[in-house]
Amino acid sequence: MAGYDEGNVYYTDLGDGEGRPGADGDGVTPGQARRKFADLLRNFRSEPTAEYPDGRLTYRDKLDQDQPPRDVTVLLDDIIGA
């Protein structure tokens, strides 16, 4: 079986190896960024109004439909403020 995978290298970036962001606490790994973004989509609340005193779940409401949209526009101000 020598050389069976030669030229075909498969790997998964788990963000826990040496030399990658997050290995020694100096950055955010791609997996951590995906989880934080999913958390933003799930839990972001807009400003409170009379109709929604706790704020509206803006992005969750957009995605929670019978036919969810193909794409969702996320405001950069929402990401910065999260």
N, C-alpha and C. Protein backbone atom coordinates (compact mmCIF):
# COMPACT_ATOMS: atom_id res chain seq x y z
N MET A 1 0.81 -1.18 0.00
CA MET A 1 0.00 0.00 0.00
C MET A 1 0.86 1.26 0.00
N ALA A 2 2.11 1.10 -0.22
CA ALA A 2 3.00 2.26 -0.22
C ALA A 2 2.61 3.22 -1.34
N GLY A 3 2.47 4.48 -1.00
CA GLY A 3 2.18 5.51 -1.99
C GLY A 3 0.73 5.61 -2.42
N TYR A 4 -0.20 4.94 -1.71
CA TYR A 4 -1.60 4.95 -2.15
C TYR A 4 -2.22 6.34 -2.06
N ASP A 5 -1.73 7.18 -1.15
CA ASP A 5 -2.32 8.51 -1.01
C ASP A 5 -1.38 9.61 -1.52
N GLU A 6 -0.42 9.24 -2.28
CA GLU A 6 0.55 10.20 -2.77
C GLU A 6 -0.13 11.26 -3.64
N GLY A 7 0.06 12.51 -3.30
CA GLY A 7 -0.55 13.60 -4.05
C GLY A 7 -1.95 13.95 -3.62
N ASN A 8 -2.57 13.15 -2.77
CA ASN A 8 -3.92 13.41 -2.28
C ASN A 8 -3.87 13.51 -0.77
N VAL A 9 -3.75 14.72 -0.28
CA VAL A 9 -3.66 14.93 1.15
C VAL A 9 -4.99 15.50 1.63
N TYR A 10 -5.61 14.84 2.59
CA TYR A 10 -6.88 15.27 3.13
C TYR A 10 -6.69 15.65 4.59
N TYR A 11 -7.28 16.78 4.98
CA TYR A 11 -7.16 17.21 6.36
C TYR A 11 -8.38 18.04 6.74
N THR A 12 -8.55 18.23 8.03
CA THR A 12 -9.60 19.08 8.56
C THR A 12 -8.94 20.09 9.49
N ASP A 13 -9.27 21.36 9.32
CA ASP A 13 -8.71 22.40 10.17
C ASP A 13 -9.53 22.48 11.44
N LEU A 14 -9.03 21.85 12.49
CA LEU A 14 -9.73 21.85 13.77
C LEU A 14 -9.33 23.03 14.64
N GLY A 15 -8.31 23.76 14.22
CA GLY A 15 -7.90 24.94 14.97
C GLY A 15 -7.17 24.64 16.26
N ASP A 16 -6.62 23.43 16.39
CA ASP A 16 -5.93 23.10 17.63
C ASP A 16 -4.48 22.70 17.41
N GLY A 17 -3.98 22.85 16.22
CA GLY A 17 -2.61 22.46 15.93
C GLY A 17 -1.65 23.62 16.06
N GLU A 18 -0.38 23.34 15.93
CA GLU A 18 0.62 24.38 16.06
C GLU A 18 0.65 25.22 14.79
N GLY A 19 0.90 26.52 14.96
CA GLY A 19 1.05 27.40 13.82
C GLY A 19 -0.26 27.89 13.22
N ARG A 20 -1.36 27.48 13.75
CA ARG A 20 -2.65 27.94 13.24
C ARG A 20 -3.25 28.94 14.22
N PRO A 21 -4.11 29.84 13.74
CA PRO A 21 -4.75 30.78 14.66
C PRO A 21 -5.51 30.05 15.75
N GLY A 22 -5.41 30.54 16.94
CA GLY A 22 -6.11 29.94 18.06
C GLY A 22 -5.31 28.89 18.80
N ALA A 23 -4.16 28.50 18.23
CA ALA A 23 -3.36 27.47 18.88
C ALA A 23 -2.82 27.95 20.23
N ASP A 24 -2.43 29.22 20.29
CA ASP A 24 -1.92 29.74 21.55
C ASP A 24 -2.70 30.97 22.01
N GLY A 25 -3.95 31.07 21.60
CA GLY A 25 -4.82 32.13 22.07
C GLY A 25 -4.65 33.45 21.35
N ASP A 26 -4.03 33.45 20.16
CA ASP A 26 -3.77 34.72 19.49
C ASP A 26 -4.79 35.06 18.40
N GLY A 27 -5.85 34.28 18.25
CA GLY A 27 -6.82 34.58 17.20
C GLY A 27 -8.03 33.69 17.30
N VAL A 28 -8.89 33.80 16.30
CA VAL A 28 -10.11 33.01 16.25
C VAL A 28 -9.98 32.02 15.11
N THR A 29 -10.26 30.77 15.37
CA THR A 29 -10.19 29.76 14.32
C THR A 29 -11.43 29.85 13.43
N PRO A 30 -11.37 29.29 12.24
CA PRO A 30 -12.55 29.30 11.37
C PRO A 30 -13.76 28.63 12.02
N GLY A 31 -13.55 27.57 12.75
CA GLY A 31 -14.66 26.89 13.44
C GLY A 31 -15.30 27.77 14.51
N GLN A 32 -14.47 28.48 15.25
CA GLN A 32 -14.99 29.40 16.27
C GLN A 32 -15.77 30.54 15.62
N ALA A 33 -15.27 31.05 14.50
CA ALA A 33 -15.96 32.13 13.79
C ALA A 33 -17.32 31.67 13.29
N ARG A 34 -17.39 30.44 12.74
CA ARG A 34 -18.68 29.90 12.27
C ARG A 34 -19.67 29.77 13.41
N ARG A 35 -19.21 29.27 14.56
CA ARG A 35 -20.10 29.13 15.72
C ARG A 35 -20.59 30.48 16.21
N LYS A 36 -19.71 31.48 16.25
CA LYS A 36 -20.11 32.81 16.70
C LYS A 36 -21.10 33.44 15.73
N PHE A 37 -20.90 33.23 14.43
CA PHE A 37 -21.81 33.78 13.44
C PHE A 37 -23.17 33.09 13.52
N ALA A 38 -23.18 31.77 13.70
CA ALA A 38 -24.44 31.05 13.86
C ALA A 38 -25.16 31.51 15.12
N ASP A 39 -24.41 31.78 16.18
CA ASP A 39 -25.00 32.29 17.41
C ASP A 39 -25.60 33.68 17.19
N LEU A 40 -24.92 34.51 16.41
CA LEU A 40 -25.46 35.84 16.08
C LEU A 40 -26.78 35.70 15.33
N LEU A 41 -26.83 34.83 14.33
CA LEU A 41 -28.07 34.64 13.56
C LEU A 41 -29.20 34.12 14.44
N ARG A 42 -28.87 33.29 15.39
CA ARG A 42 -29.88 32.66 16.24
C ARG A 42 -30.39 33.59 17.33
N ASN A 43 -29.52 34.44 17.89
CA ASN A 43 -29.88 35.17 19.10
C ASN A 43 -29.86 36.69 19.01
N PHE A 44 -29.54 37.27 17.86
CA PHE A 44 -29.45 38.73 17.77
C PHE A 44 -30.83 39.35 17.93
N ARG A 45 -30.91 40.35 18.77
CA ARG A 45 -32.17 41.08 18.99
C ARG A 45 -31.98 42.53 18.56
N SER A 46 -33.02 43.05 17.89
CA SER A 46 -33.00 44.45 17.47
C SER A 46 -33.33 45.34 18.66
N GLU A 47 -33.38 46.62 18.41
CA GLU A 47 -33.73 47.58 19.47
C GLU A 47 -35.15 47.32 19.96
N PRO A 48 -35.42 47.46 21.24
CA PRO A 48 -36.77 47.28 21.77
C PRO A 48 -37.75 48.32 21.19
N THR A 49 -38.97 47.87 20.95
CA THR A 49 -40.04 48.75 20.48
C THR A 49 -41.27 48.47 21.33
N ALA A 50 -42.35 49.20 21.07
CA ALA A 50 -43.59 48.97 21.81
C ALA A 50 -44.14 47.58 21.50
N GLU A 51 -43.99 47.14 20.25
CA GLU A 51 -44.50 45.83 19.85
C GLU A 51 -43.61 44.69 20.35
N TYR A 52 -42.30 44.94 20.38
CA TYR A 52 -41.33 43.94 20.84
C TYR A 52 -40.49 44.55 21.96
N PRO A 53 -40.97 44.50 23.21
CA PRO A 53 -40.25 45.16 24.31
C PRO A 53 -38.86 44.59 24.57
N ASP A 54 -38.64 43.32 24.26
CA ASP A 54 -37.31 42.72 24.45
C ASP A 54 -36.47 42.79 23.18
N GLY A 55 -37.00 43.37 22.13
CA GLY A 55 -36.31 43.38 20.85
C GLY A 55 -36.76 42.20 20.01
N ARG A 56 -36.67 42.36 18.73
CA ARG A 56 -37.11 41.30 17.81
C ARG A 56 -35.92 40.43 17.42
N LEU A 57 -36.15 39.13 17.30
CA LEU A 57 -35.11 38.21 16.84
C LEU A 57 -35.02 38.36 15.31
N THR A 58 -34.28 39.35 14.89
CA THR A 58 -34.26 39.80 13.50
C THR A 58 -33.93 38.69 12.51
N TYR A 59 -32.77 38.09 12.65
CA TYR A 59 -32.31 37.11 11.66
C TYR A 59 -32.99 35.76 11.83
N ARG A 60 -33.30 35.39 13.07
CA ARG A 60 -34.01 34.13 13.29
C ARG A 60 -35.38 34.16 12.63
N ASP A 61 -36.08 35.31 12.74
CA ASP A 61 -37.40 35.44 12.12
C ASP A 61 -37.32 35.33 10.60
N LYS A 62 -36.26 35.89 10.00
CA LYS A 62 -36.09 35.79 8.56
C LYS A 62 -35.87 34.35 8.12
N LEU A 63 -35.11 33.59 8.91
CA LEU A 63 -34.79 32.21 8.54
C LEU A 63 -35.87 31.22 8.94
N ASP A 64 -36.74 31.59 9.88
CA ASP A 64 -37.78 30.68 10.38
C ASP A 64 -39.07 30.87 9.58
N GLN A 65 -39.03 30.46 8.34
CA GLN A 65 -40.19 30.54 7.45
C GLN A 65 -40.36 29.19 6.76
N ASP A 66 -41.53 28.99 6.15
CA ASP A 66 -41.75 27.74 5.41
C ASP A 66 -40.74 27.61 4.27
N GLN A 67 -40.50 28.69 3.57
CA GLN A 67 -39.50 28.74 2.51
C GLN A 67 -38.42 29.75 2.92
N PRO A 68 -37.38 29.31 3.64
CA PRO A 68 -36.34 30.26 4.07
C PRO A 68 -35.65 30.89 2.85
N PRO A 69 -35.20 32.12 2.99
CA PRO A 69 -34.54 32.78 1.86
C PRO A 69 -33.22 32.11 1.52
N ARG A 70 -32.81 32.27 0.27
CA ARG A 70 -31.51 31.72 -0.16
C ARG A 70 -30.36 32.41 0.54
N ASP A 71 -30.47 33.72 0.73
CA ASP A 71 -29.43 34.45 1.44
C ASP A 71 -30.06 35.48 2.36
N VAL A 72 -29.32 35.81 3.37
CA VAL A 72 -29.76 36.78 4.37
C VAL A 72 -28.71 37.87 4.44
N THR A 73 -29.15 39.10 4.35
CA THR A 73 -28.25 40.24 4.46
C THR A 73 -28.07 40.58 5.94
N VAL A 74 -26.82 40.53 6.38
CA VAL A 74 -26.50 40.84 7.77
C VAL A 74 -25.79 42.18 7.80
N LEU A 75 -26.30 43.08 8.62
CA LEU A 75 -25.70 44.41 8.71
C LEU A 75 -24.40 44.34 9.50
N LEU A 76 -23.39 45.01 8.99
CA LEU A 76 -22.08 45.03 9.65
C LEU A 76 -22.18 45.65 11.04
N ASP A 77 -23.05 46.63 11.20
CA ASP A 77 -23.24 47.24 12.53
C ASP A 77 -23.74 46.22 13.55
N ASP A 78 -24.56 45.26 13.10
CA ASP A 78 -25.04 44.21 14.00
C ASP A 78 -23.91 43.28 14.42
N ILE A 79 -23.00 43.00 13.50
CA ILE A 79 -21.88 42.12 13.82
C ILE A 79 -20.92 42.83 14.78
N ILE A 80 -20.65 44.10 14.51
CA ILE A 80 -19.73 44.86 15.36
C ILE A 80 -20.28 45.01 16.76
N GLY A 81 -21.59 45.23 16.87
CA GLY A 81 -22.21 45.43 18.17
C GLY A 81 -22.42 44.15 18.96
N ALA A 82 -22.29 43.00 18.33
CA ALA A 82 -22.56 41.73 19.01
C ALA A 82 -21.45 41.30 19.92
